[in-house]
C-alpha cells in the first residue's frame, strides 16, 4: 500500500512540475517526512499514535524498497536513491552558496 501511495505522489509531481529538480526535491521531502514520522513514532509515548504511524507510514524510502524488492533490483534501487540524494545535496549546497 505504501509503495502505491509514493508512486502516485511521484507521478503527480513529475506531471505537475515536469522538471527533474522538482522530482529530486519532492523525493527528499517525502523521505524526510517518513523519517520524522518514524522518530515521532518511537519517541511519542502514546501507543495509539505510535501504532497508527507504524501501520500506515513507512520508515523511509529505502524501507519501501526493502519491503517490495530483493536481490540485484534492490541494489539498483538503493544506488538510484543514493545518487538522487547526492543530487539533492548538490542542489541544496548551490542554493546555500548563492545566498551567501
N, C-alpha and C. Protein backbone atom coordinates (compact mmCIF):
# COMPACT_ATOMS: atom_id res chain seq x y z
N UNK A 1 0.82 -1.20 0.00
CA UNK A 1 0.00 0.00 0.00
C UNK A 1 0.86 1.26 0.00
N UNK A 2 1.90 1.26 0.82
CA UNK A 2 2.74 2.46 0.91
C UNK A 2 3.49 2.71 -0.39
N UNK A 3 3.87 1.65 -1.08
CA UNK A 3 4.56 1.82 -2.36
C UNK A 3 3.63 2.47 -3.39
N UNK A 4 2.39 2.08 -3.42
CA UNK A 4 1.42 2.65 -4.35
C UNK A 4 1.24 4.14 -4.08
N UNK A 5 1.14 4.53 -2.83
CA UNK A 5 0.96 5.93 -2.47
C UNK A 5 2.16 6.76 -2.91
N UNK A 6 3.37 6.27 -2.65
CA UNK A 6 4.57 7.00 -3.03
C UNK A 6 4.69 7.12 -4.54
N UNK A 7 4.40 6.06 -5.27
CA UNK A 7 4.47 6.10 -6.73
C UNK A 7 3.46 7.09 -7.28
N UNK A 8 2.25 7.10 -6.76
CA UNK A 8 1.23 8.05 -7.22
C UNK A 8 1.66 9.48 -6.93
N UNK A 9 2.20 9.73 -5.75
CA UNK A 9 2.67 11.08 -5.42
C UNK A 9 3.81 11.52 -6.33
N UNK A 10 4.73 10.63 -6.61
CA UNK A 10 5.84 10.96 -7.51
C UNK A 10 5.34 11.24 -8.92
N UNK A 11 4.38 10.47 -9.39
CA UNK A 11 3.82 10.72 -10.72
C UNK A 11 3.11 12.06 -10.79
N UNK A 12 2.39 12.42 -9.75
CA UNK A 12 1.71 13.71 -9.72
C UNK A 12 2.73 14.84 -9.78
N UNK A 13 3.80 14.73 -9.04
CA UNK A 13 4.83 15.78 -9.05
C UNK A 13 5.51 15.87 -10.41
N UNK A 14 5.86 14.74 -10.99
CA UNK A 14 6.51 14.75 -12.30
C UNK A 14 5.59 15.35 -13.35
N UNK A 15 4.33 15.00 -13.31
CA UNK A 15 3.38 15.53 -14.29
C UNK A 15 3.07 17.00 -14.04
N UNK A 16 3.05 17.42 -12.78
CA UNK A 16 2.70 18.80 -12.46
C UNK A 16 3.87 19.76 -12.74
N UNK A 17 5.07 19.40 -12.34
CA UNK A 17 6.20 20.32 -12.46
C UNK A 17 7.06 20.07 -13.69
N UNK A 18 7.18 18.81 -14.11
CA UNK A 18 7.89 18.41 -15.31
C UNK A 18 9.37 18.80 -15.32
N UNK A 19 9.98 18.93 -14.17
CA UNK A 19 11.42 19.18 -14.11
C UNK A 19 12.05 18.13 -13.21
N UNK A 20 13.28 17.83 -13.50
CA UNK A 20 14.00 16.83 -12.71
C UNK A 20 14.25 17.35 -11.30
N UNK A 21 14.51 18.64 -11.16
CA UNK A 21 14.80 19.19 -9.83
C UNK A 21 13.58 19.08 -8.91
N UNK A 22 12.38 19.25 -9.44
CA UNK A 22 11.19 19.10 -8.59
C UNK A 22 11.03 17.66 -8.14
N UNK A 23 11.37 16.72 -9.01
CA UNK A 23 11.34 15.31 -8.64
C UNK A 23 12.34 15.02 -7.51
N UNK A 24 13.53 15.58 -7.62
CA UNK A 24 14.56 15.39 -6.60
C UNK A 24 14.11 15.99 -5.27
N UNK A 25 13.63 17.23 -5.30
CA UNK A 25 13.17 17.89 -4.07
C UNK A 25 12.01 17.13 -3.44
N UNK A 26 11.06 16.70 -4.25
CA UNK A 26 9.90 16.00 -3.72
C UNK A 26 10.30 14.67 -3.08
N UNK A 27 11.21 13.95 -3.72
CA UNK A 27 11.68 12.69 -3.15
C UNK A 27 12.34 12.92 -1.80
N UNK A 28 13.16 13.95 -1.72
CA UNK A 28 13.83 14.27 -0.45
C UNK A 28 12.81 14.70 0.62
N UNK A 29 11.82 15.47 0.23
CA UNK A 29 10.80 15.91 1.18
C UNK A 29 10.01 14.72 1.71
N UNK A 30 9.61 13.82 0.83
CA UNK A 30 8.85 12.63 1.26
C UNK A 30 9.69 11.77 2.19
N UNK A 31 10.96 11.57 1.85
CA UNK A 31 11.82 10.74 2.70
C UNK A 31 12.04 11.40 4.06
N UNK A 32 12.24 12.70 4.09
CA UNK A 32 12.38 13.40 5.37
C UNK A 32 11.10 13.30 6.20
N UNK A 33 9.95 13.42 5.55
CA UNK A 33 8.68 13.27 6.27
C UNK A 33 8.56 11.88 6.88
N UNK A 34 8.87 10.84 6.10
CA UNK A 34 8.82 9.47 6.63
C UNK A 34 9.75 9.31 7.82
N UNK A 35 10.95 9.85 7.73
CA UNK A 35 11.92 9.70 8.81
C UNK A 35 11.50 10.48 10.06
N UNK A 36 10.91 11.66 9.88
CA UNK A 36 10.43 12.43 11.03
C UNK A 36 9.27 11.70 11.70
N UNK A 37 8.37 11.14 10.90
CA UNK A 37 7.25 10.40 11.48
C UNK A 37 7.75 9.15 12.22
N UNK A 38 8.80 8.51 11.72
CA UNK A 38 9.39 7.37 12.42
C UNK A 38 9.98 7.80 13.75
N UNK A 39 10.64 8.94 13.76
CA UNK A 39 11.18 9.48 15.01
C UNK A 39 10.06 9.77 16.00
N UNK A 40 8.98 10.35 15.52
CA UNK A 40 7.82 10.61 16.38
C UNK A 40 7.26 9.29 16.91
N UNK A 41 7.17 8.31 16.03
CA UNK A 41 6.63 7.00 16.41
C UNK A 41 7.38 6.40 17.60
N UNK A 42 8.69 6.46 17.56
CA UNK A 42 9.48 5.83 18.60
C UNK A 42 9.64 6.69 19.85
N UNK A 43 9.32 7.98 19.77
CA UNK A 43 9.54 8.85 20.91
C UNK A 43 8.29 9.52 21.47
N UNK A 44 7.12 9.25 20.92
CA UNK A 44 5.90 9.94 21.35
C UNK A 44 5.38 9.43 22.69
N UNK A 45 5.44 8.15 22.91
CA UNK A 45 4.97 7.61 24.17
C UNK A 45 3.48 7.35 24.23
N UNK A 46 2.75 7.65 23.17
CA UNK A 46 1.32 7.37 23.10
C UNK A 46 1.13 6.20 22.16
N UNK A 47 0.67 5.09 22.71
CA UNK A 47 0.62 3.83 21.97
C UNK A 47 -0.26 3.90 20.73
N UNK A 48 -1.41 4.55 20.81
CA UNK A 48 -2.33 4.63 19.67
C UNK A 48 -1.70 5.35 18.49
N UNK A 49 -1.03 6.47 18.77
CA UNK A 49 -0.39 7.24 17.70
C UNK A 49 0.78 6.45 17.13
N UNK A 50 1.56 5.82 18.00
CA UNK A 50 2.69 5.01 17.54
C UNK A 50 2.22 3.87 16.65
N UNK A 51 1.14 3.21 17.03
CA UNK A 51 0.60 2.12 16.22
C UNK A 51 0.08 2.62 14.88
N UNK A 52 -0.60 3.77 14.89
CA UNK A 52 -1.12 4.35 13.65
C UNK A 52 0.02 4.66 12.69
N UNK A 53 1.05 5.34 13.19
CA UNK A 53 2.20 5.68 12.35
C UNK A 53 2.90 4.41 11.86
N UNK A 54 3.06 3.44 12.74
CA UNK A 54 3.71 2.18 12.37
C UNK A 54 2.95 1.40 11.31
N UNK A 55 1.62 1.48 11.34
CA UNK A 55 0.80 0.74 10.38
C UNK A 55 0.68 1.42 9.03
N UNK A 56 0.64 2.74 9.01
CA UNK A 56 0.29 3.44 7.77
C UNK A 56 1.40 4.27 7.15
N UNK A 57 2.47 4.53 7.85
CA UNK A 57 3.54 5.35 7.31
C UNK A 57 4.83 4.55 7.32
N UNK A 58 5.47 4.38 6.16
CA UNK A 58 6.73 3.62 6.13
C UNK A 58 7.86 4.38 6.82
N UNK A 59 8.91 3.67 7.17
CA UNK A 59 10.02 4.30 7.88
C UNK A 59 10.84 5.21 6.98
N UNK A 60 11.04 4.83 5.73
CA UNK A 60 11.79 5.64 4.78
C UNK A 60 11.60 5.05 3.38
N UNK A 61 12.10 5.74 2.40
CA UNK A 61 12.01 5.22 1.04
C UNK A 61 12.83 3.95 0.88
N UNK A 62 14.07 3.88 1.43
CA UNK A 62 14.78 2.59 1.35
C UNK A 62 14.04 1.45 2.04
N UNK A 63 13.27 1.74 3.08
CA UNK A 63 12.47 0.69 3.73
C UNK A 63 11.39 0.17 2.78
N UNK A 64 10.83 1.04 1.97
CA UNK A 64 9.85 0.62 0.97
C UNK A 64 10.52 -0.27 -0.07
N UNK A 65 11.71 0.15 -0.53
CA UNK A 65 12.46 -0.67 -1.48
C UNK A 65 12.73 -2.05 -0.90
N UNK A 66 13.13 -2.10 0.36
CA UNK A 66 13.45 -3.36 1.02
C UNK A 66 12.22 -4.26 1.13
N UNK A 67 11.08 -3.65 1.38
CA UNK A 67 9.86 -4.42 1.57
C UNK A 67 9.36 -5.06 0.27
N UNK A 68 9.54 -4.35 -0.86
CA UNK A 68 8.94 -4.81 -2.10
C UNK A 68 9.92 -5.34 -3.14
N UNK A 69 11.20 -5.37 -2.83
CA UNK A 69 12.16 -5.90 -3.81
C UNK A 69 13.28 -6.63 -3.09
N UNK A 70 14.09 -7.32 -3.88
CA UNK A 70 15.23 -8.03 -3.32
C UNK A 70 16.27 -8.23 -4.40
N UNK A 71 17.44 -8.68 -3.99
CA UNK A 71 18.49 -9.02 -4.93
C UNK A 71 19.07 -7.83 -5.67
N UNK A 72 19.36 -8.03 -6.95
CA UNK A 72 20.00 -7.01 -7.76
C UNK A 72 19.09 -5.82 -8.00
N UNK A 73 17.77 -6.07 -8.08
CA UNK A 73 16.83 -4.95 -8.26
C UNK A 73 16.86 -4.02 -7.05
N UNK A 74 16.92 -4.59 -5.85
CA UNK A 74 17.02 -3.79 -4.63
C UNK A 74 18.31 -2.97 -4.65
N UNK A 75 19.41 -3.60 -5.05
CA UNK A 75 20.69 -2.90 -5.12
C UNK A 75 20.64 -1.73 -6.10
N UNK A 76 20.02 -1.95 -7.25
CA UNK A 76 19.89 -0.87 -8.24
C UNK A 76 19.01 0.27 -7.70
N UNK A 77 17.92 -0.07 -7.03
CA UNK A 77 17.05 0.96 -6.46
C UNK A 77 17.78 1.77 -5.39
N UNK A 78 18.53 1.10 -4.55
CA UNK A 78 19.26 1.82 -3.49
C UNK A 78 20.33 2.72 -4.09
N UNK A 79 21.04 2.25 -5.10
CA UNK A 79 22.05 3.11 -5.74
C UNK A 79 21.39 4.29 -6.44
N UNK A 80 20.23 4.08 -7.04
CA UNK A 80 19.49 5.19 -7.61
C UNK A 80 19.08 6.20 -6.55
N UNK A 81 18.65 5.69 -5.41
CA UNK A 81 18.28 6.55 -4.29
C UNK A 81 19.49 7.34 -3.80
N UNK A 82 20.63 6.68 -3.68
CA UNK A 82 21.85 7.36 -3.22
C UNK A 82 22.24 8.46 -4.19
N UNK A 83 22.18 8.17 -5.48
CA UNK A 83 22.51 9.19 -6.49
C UNK A 83 21.53 10.35 -6.42
N UNK A 84 20.27 10.05 -6.22
CA UNK A 84 19.25 11.10 -6.08
C UNK A 84 19.53 11.98 -4.86
N UNK A 85 19.93 11.38 -3.75
CA UNK A 85 20.24 12.16 -2.55
C UNK A 85 21.52 12.98 -2.73
N UNK A 86 22.48 12.47 -3.50
CA UNK A 86 23.68 13.26 -3.80
C UNK A 86 23.31 14.48 -4.65
N UNK A 87 22.43 14.28 -5.62
CA UNK A 87 21.96 15.40 -6.43
C UNK A 87 21.22 16.40 -5.56
N UNK A 88 20.41 15.92 -4.63
CA UNK A 88 19.72 16.81 -3.69
C UNK A 88 20.72 17.61 -2.87
N UNK A 89 21.76 16.97 -2.40
CA UNK A 89 22.80 17.66 -1.64
C UNK A 89 23.47 18.74 -2.48
N UNK A 90 23.72 18.45 -3.75
CA UNK A 90 24.32 19.45 -4.64
C UNK A 90 23.38 20.63 -4.81
N UNK A 91 22.09 20.38 -5.03
CA UNK A 91 21.11 21.46 -5.17
C UNK A 91 21.06 22.32 -3.91
N UNK A 92 21.03 21.70 -2.76
CA UNK A 92 20.96 22.44 -1.50
C UNK A 92 22.23 23.26 -1.30
N UNK A 93 23.38 22.68 -1.61
CA UNK A 93 24.65 23.39 -1.44
C UNK A 93 24.72 24.57 -2.39
N UNK A 94 24.29 24.41 -3.63
CA UNK A 94 24.27 25.52 -4.58
C UNK A 94 23.39 26.66 -4.08
N UNK A 95 22.23 26.31 -3.59
CA UNK A 95 21.30 27.32 -3.08
C UNK A 95 21.91 28.05 -1.88
N UNK A 96 22.55 27.31 -1.01
CA UNK A 96 23.19 27.92 0.16
C UNK A 96 24.32 28.86 -0.26
N UNK A 97 25.12 28.45 -1.22
CA UNK A 97 26.25 29.27 -1.66
C UNK A 97 25.78 30.54 -2.38
N UNK A 98 24.68 30.46 -3.13
CA UNK A 98 24.16 31.64 -3.82
C UNK A 98 23.65 32.69 -2.84
N UNK A 99 23.09 32.24 -1.73
CA UNK A 99 22.54 33.18 -0.75
C UNK A 99 23.62 33.83 0.10
N UNK A 100 24.79 33.25 0.11
CA UNK A 100 25.87 33.78 0.92
C UNK A 100 26.59 34.86 0.22
